[in-house]
Protein backbone atom coordinates (compact mmCIF):
# COMPACT_ATOMS: atom_id res chain seq x y z
CA UNK A 1 110.40 239.62 84.52
CA UNK A 2 113.55 238.30 86.13
CA UNK A 3 112.61 234.74 85.13
CA UNK A 4 112.31 235.84 81.53
CA UNK A 5 115.67 237.55 81.69
CA UNK A 6 117.28 234.46 83.15
CA UNK A 7 115.70 232.27 80.48
CA UNK A 8 117.01 234.53 77.75
CA UNK A 9 120.48 234.51 79.26
CA UNK A 10 120.42 230.71 79.50
CA UNK A 11 119.31 230.41 75.87
CA UNK A 12 121.99 232.85 74.80
CA UNK A 13 124.75 231.08 76.77
CA UNK A 14 123.68 227.67 75.52
CA UNK A 15 123.68 228.90 71.95
CA UNK A 16 127.22 230.21 72.43
CA UNK A 17 128.47 226.97 73.94
CA UNK A 18 126.69 224.74 71.45
CA UNK A 19 128.45 226.25 68.46
CA UNK A 20 131.95 225.58 69.73
CA UNK A 21 131.65 221.78 69.70
CA UNK A 22 130.18 221.41 66.20
CA UNK A 23 132.38 220.47 63.27
CA UNK A 24 132.91 222.85 60.41
CA UNK A 25 131.05 220.65 57.90
CA UNK A 26 127.75 221.65 59.46
CA UNK A 27 128.93 225.16 60.24
CA UNK A 28 126.76 226.92 57.66
CA UNK A 29 123.60 225.27 58.93
CA UNK A 30 124.59 225.89 62.53
CA UNK A 31 125.22 229.57 61.85
CA UNK A 32 121.89 229.93 60.08
CA UNK A 33 120.18 228.19 62.97
CA UNK A 34 121.97 230.41 65.46
CA UNK A 35 120.90 233.51 63.53
CA UNK A 36 117.31 232.28 63.73
CA UNK A 37 117.70 231.77 67.49
CA UNK A 38 119.19 235.23 67.84
CA UNK A 39 116.20 236.63 65.97
CA UNK A 40 113.90 234.96 68.52
CA UNK A 41 115.98 236.42 71.35
CA UNK A 42 115.75 239.85 69.67
CA UNK A 43 111.97 239.52 69.48
CA UNK A 44 111.86 238.67 73.18
CA UNK A 45 114.08 241.64 74.02
CA UNK A 46 111.85 243.91 71.95
CA UNK A 47 108.85 242.61 73.87
CA UNK A 48 110.63 243.29 77.16
CA UNK A 49 111.45 246.83 76.06
CA UNK A 50 107.82 247.40 75.14
CA UNK A 51 106.66 246.18 78.55
CA UNK A 52 109.21 248.38 80.31
CA UNK A 53 107.99 251.32 78.25
CA UNK A 54 104.36 250.46 79.02
CA UNK A 55 105.03 250.27 82.77
CA UNK A 56 106.92 253.54 82.59
CA UNK A 57 104.06 255.27 80.79
CA UNK A 58 101.47 254.02 83.26
CA UNK A 59 103.59 255.13 86.22
CA UNK A 60 104.13 258.55 84.64
CA UNK A 61 100.37 258.95 84.21
CA UNK A 62 99.91 257.97 87.83
CA UNK A 63 102.50 260.56 88.93
CA UNK A 64 100.40 263.40 87.56
CA UNK A 65 97.71 262.52 90.09
CA UNK A 66 100.07 263.07 93.03
CA UNK A 67 101.06 266.27 94.79
CA UNK A 68 104.86 265.90 94.33
CA UNK A 69 104.84 265.29 90.58
CA UNK A 70 108.50 266.01 89.91
CA UNK A 71 109.74 263.74 92.68
CA UNK A 72 107.51 260.91 91.45
CA UNK A 73 108.63 261.43 87.86
CA UNK A 74 112.28 261.29 88.95
CA UNK A 75 111.69 257.99 90.77
CA UNK A 76 109.85 256.57 87.75
CA UNK A 77 112.65 257.67 85.45
CA UNK A 78 115.27 256.03 87.67
CA UNK A 79 113.26 252.80 87.72
CA UNK A 80 112.86 252.94 83.96
CA UNK A 81 116.59 253.45 83.42
CA UNK A 82 117.44 250.49 85.66
CA UNK A 83 115.00 248.19 83.88
CA UNK A 84 115.98 249.26 80.38
CA UNK A 85 119.68 248.95 81.21
CA UNK A 86 119.24 245.22 81.84
CA UNK A 87 117.58 244.80 78.44
CA UNK A 88 120.20 246.91 76.69
CA UNK A 89 123.07 244.89 78.16
CA UNK A 90 121.48 241.72 76.81
CA UNK A 91 120.86 243.40 73.49
CA UNK A 92 124.48 244.50 73.19
CA UNK A 93 125.70 240.98 73.92
CA UNK A 94 123.28 239.57 71.37
CA UNK A 95 124.32 242.11 68.73
CA UNK A 96 127.98 241.27 69.33
CA UNK A 97 127.23 237.58 68.89
CA UNK A 98 125.22 238.29 65.73
CA UNK A 99 128.16 240.22 64.30
CA UNK A 100 130.48 237.32 65.12
CA UNK A 101 128.15 234.80 63.48
CA UNK A 102 127.77 236.98 60.39
CA UNK A 103 131.55 237.33 60.20
CA UNK A 104 131.94 233.54 60.46
CA UNK A 105 129.38 233.06 57.69
CA UNK A 106 131.19 235.58 55.50
CA UNK A 107 134.54 233.92 56.19
CA UNK A 108 133.13 230.51 55.27
CA UNK A 109 131.64 231.86 52.05
CA UNK A 110 134.94 233.53 51.18
CA UNK A 111 136.92 230.32 51.78
CA UNK A 112 134.45 228.34 49.66
CA UNK A 113 134.68 230.95 46.91
CA UNK A 114 138.49 230.85 47.01
CA UNK A 115 138.50 227.05 46.96
CA UNK A 116 136.10 227.07 44.02
CA UNK A 117 138.25 229.55 42.10
CA UNK A 118 141.35 227.43 42.71
CA UNK A 119 139.73 224.22 41.49
CA UNK A 120 141.66 223.02 38.37
CA UNK A 121 138.44 222.16 36.57
CA UNK A 122 137.08 225.69 37.05
CA UNK A 123 140.42 227.24 36.09
CA UNK A 124 140.41 225.29 32.81
CA UNK A 125 136.77 226.20 32.17
CA UNK A 126 137.50 229.91 32.71
CA UNK A 127 140.50 229.68 30.36
CA UNK A 128 138.33 228.01 27.70
CA UNK A 129 135.64 230.65 28.15
CA UNK A 130 138.20 233.43 27.85
CA UNK A 131 139.63 231.87 24.67
CA UNK A 132 136.16 231.44 23.14
CA UNK A 133 135.33 235.06 23.98
CA UNK A 134 138.51 236.32 22.34
CA UNK A 135 137.77 234.25 19.21
CA UNK A 136 134.27 235.69 19.05
CA UNK A 137 135.66 239.20 19.37
CA UNK A 138 138.07 238.53 16.48
CA UNK A 139 135.22 237.17 14.31
CA UNK A 140 133.09 240.18 15.19
CA UNK A 141 135.89 242.56 14.20
CA UNK A 142 136.23 240.73 10.84
CA UNK A 143 132.48 240.96 10.21
CA UNK A 144 132.56 244.69 10.94
CA UNK A 145 135.47 245.16 8.50
CA UNK A 146 133.64 243.21 5.77
CA UNK A 147 130.52 245.28 6.35
CA UNK A 148 132.51 248.52 6.01
CA UNK A 149 134.09 247.26 2.76
CA UNK A 150 130.66 246.39 1.39
CA UNK A 151 129.39 249.84 2.24
CA UNK A 152 132.34 251.40 0.43
CA UNK A 153 131.78 249.17 -2.60
CA UNK A 154 127.99 249.61 -2.59
CA UNK A 155 128.12 252.85 -4.56
CA UNK A 156 130.32 251.22 -7.22
CA UNK A 157 128.06 248.14 -7.44
CA UNK A 158 124.96 250.33 -7.69
CA UNK A 159 126.56 252.26 -10.58
CA UNK A 160 127.46 249.02 -12.35
CA UNK A 161 123.90 247.72 -11.91
CA UNK A 162 122.46 250.91 -13.39
CA UNK A 163 124.77 250.90 -16.38
CA UNK A 164 124.36 247.20 -17.14
CA UNK A 165 121.88 246.35 -19.84
CA UNK A 166 118.98 244.11 -19.00
CA UNK A 167 119.68 241.95 -22.09
């Protein structure tokens, strides 16, 4: 168990150190890769928690076969708390790192979005789109007005058509 914990800590520390020396051009890929590594570490921590829980359950079952049940259960509980504390400390560190990586990803996306919005080509395109939209709205308003006028005049045209002779 201790070897597994040490391996996880080494992986976690290496992943922290490896990110610092990488340039920002590959930052998005690195962050995605680090999130994948953190997911693997989370899976390993979940497995460790399950084993700790399994050992605890088996020891609790064994305690019920002894004469001093409460004393045995207290010792088992203390052992369980010590073992699970190690896993929880690693989990907290991993969750903190995951939050940091997610924040870096969000910051990168925000800077890219800002840079994209400030691009002169995109600014001109948005201005053209806005102008075209306003023109379409004006044309739509004119069509609606014409339609209303036709509806008002429809009764008069219908009367003229009725009163007109076919020859």
